[in-house]
Structure formats: C-alpha cells, structure tokens
C-alpha atoms as a PDB file:
ATOM      1  CA  MET A   1       4.474  14.409  18.943  1.00  0.00           C
ATOM      2  CA  LYS A   2       3.958  15.803  22.303  1.00  0.00           C
ATOM      3  CA  ASP A   3       0.608  17.259  20.608  1.00  0.00           C
ATOM      4  CA  MET A   4      -0.555  14.496  19.404  1.00  0.00           C
ATOM      5  CA  PRO A   5      -4.033  12.557  21.875  1.00  0.00           C
ATOM      6  CA  ALA A   6      -2.545   9.218  23.202  1.00  0.00           C
ATOM      7  CA  GLU A   7      -5.253   7.649  21.391  1.00  0.00           C
ATOM      8  CA  PHE A   8      -3.454   7.581  18.089  1.00  0.00           C
ATOM      9  CA  PHE A   9      -1.468   5.748  18.895  1.00  0.00           C
ATOM     10  CA  LEU A  10      -3.871   2.825  20.160  1.00  0.00           C
ATOM     11  CA  PRO A  11      -4.648   0.163  17.668  1.00  0.00           C
ATOM     12  CA  PRO A  12      -8.525  -0.079  16.285  1.00  0.00           C
ATOM     13  CA  GLN A  13     -10.545  -1.416  18.743  1.00  0.00           C
ATOM     14  CA  GLY A  14     -12.681  -4.024  16.209  1.00  0.00           C
ATOM     15  CA  ASN A  15     -11.243  -7.094  14.670  1.00  0.00           C
ATOM     16  CA  GLU A  16     -12.765  -5.657  10.986  1.00  0.00           C
ATOM     17  CA  ALA A  17     -10.961  -2.004  11.551  1.00  0.00           C
ATOM     18  CA  LEU A  18      -7.643  -3.033  12.230  1.00  0.00           C
ATOM     19  CA  LYS A  19      -8.354  -5.852   9.117  1.00  0.00           C
ATOM     20  CA  ARG A  20      -9.036  -2.329   6.987  1.00  0.00           C
ATOM     21  CA  GLU A  21      -5.940  -0.634   8.753  1.00  0.00           C
ATOM     22  CA  THR A  22      -3.454  -3.906   8.213  1.00  0.00           C
ATOM     23  CA  ILE A  23      -5.036  -3.831   4.341  1.00  0.00           C
ATOM     24  CA  ARG A  24      -4.241  -0.253   4.030  1.00  0.00           C
ATOM     25  CA  LEU A  25      -1.218  -0.424   5.297  1.00  0.00           C
ATOM     26  CA  LEU A  26      -0.074  -3.201   2.815  1.00  0.00           C
ATOM     27  CA  ALA A  27      -1.440  -1.609   0.147  1.00  0.00           C
ATOM     28  CA  GLY A  28       0.619   1.308   0.102  1.00  0.00           C
ATOM     29  CA  CYS A  29       3.691  -0.315   1.354  1.00  0.00           C
ATOM     30  CA  THR A  30       3.232  -2.205  -2.117  1.00  0.00           C
ATOM     31  CA  ALA A  31       2.574   0.612  -4.266  1.00  0.00           C
ATOM     32  CA  PHE A  32       5.669   2.462  -2.912  1.00  0.00           C
ATOM     33  CA  ILE A  33       7.899   0.006  -3.564  1.00  0.00           C
ATOM     34  CA  VAL A  34       6.468  -0.573  -7.063  1.00  0.00           C
ATOM     35  CA  ILE A  35       6.473   2.963  -7.562  1.00  0.00           C
ATOM     36  CA  LEU A  36      10.151   3.043  -6.188  1.00  0.00           C
ATOM     37  CA  GLY A  37      11.310  -0.023  -8.930  1.00  0.00           C
ATOM     38  CA  ILE A  38       9.830   1.744 -11.681  1.00  0.00           C
ATOM     39  CA  ILE A  39      11.493   4.863 -10.893  1.00  0.00           C
ATOM     40  CA  VAL A  40      14.905   2.730 -10.764  1.00  0.00           C
ATOM     41  CA  ALA A  41      14.189   1.336 -13.548  1.00  0.00           C
ATOM     42  CA  LEU A  42      13.798   4.384 -15.685  1.00  0.00           C
ATOM     43  CA  THR A  43      16.876   6.295 -14.284  1.00  0.00           C
ATOM     44  CA  GLN A  44      19.044   3.129 -14.756  1.00  0.00           C
ATOM     45  CA  GLY A  45      17.552   2.736 -17.789  1.00  0.00           C
ATOM     46  CA  ILE A  46      15.903  -1.037 -17.779  1.00  0.00           C
ATOM     47  CA  VAL A  47      14.047  -2.402 -20.376  1.00  0.00           C
ATOM     48  CA  VAL A  48      11.135  -4.696 -18.777  1.00  0.00           C
ATOM     49  CA  SER A  49       9.786  -6.275 -21.777  1.00  0.00           C
ATOM     50  CA  VAL A  50       6.714  -8.439 -21.863  1.00  0.00           C
END
C-alpha cells in the first residue's frame, strides 16, 4: 500500500463522478451477492421455481 499515490484514496472531485462511482460499487456488490446466492443454492440442492 505504500507504493500507491495519495490521490488513490481521495473521493472523486465532481458530484457526477461520485454518483457514477457509487452506482458502480452498488452494482458490483449486488452482483457479488447474487452470484454467491446462486452458488450456495446450487451446492445445497435448493430448487427455486419461478
């Protein structure tokens, strides 16, 4: 971590950039939770019928 510049840890400057970063983070977290849920459902033999 000592090789990373200080600017890496600062939030985006503009309001639009901050919104874009937040949306990306939420989408990534949601996708991770959904994929993890699918893996757990498949490995545990849980059947989801729609």
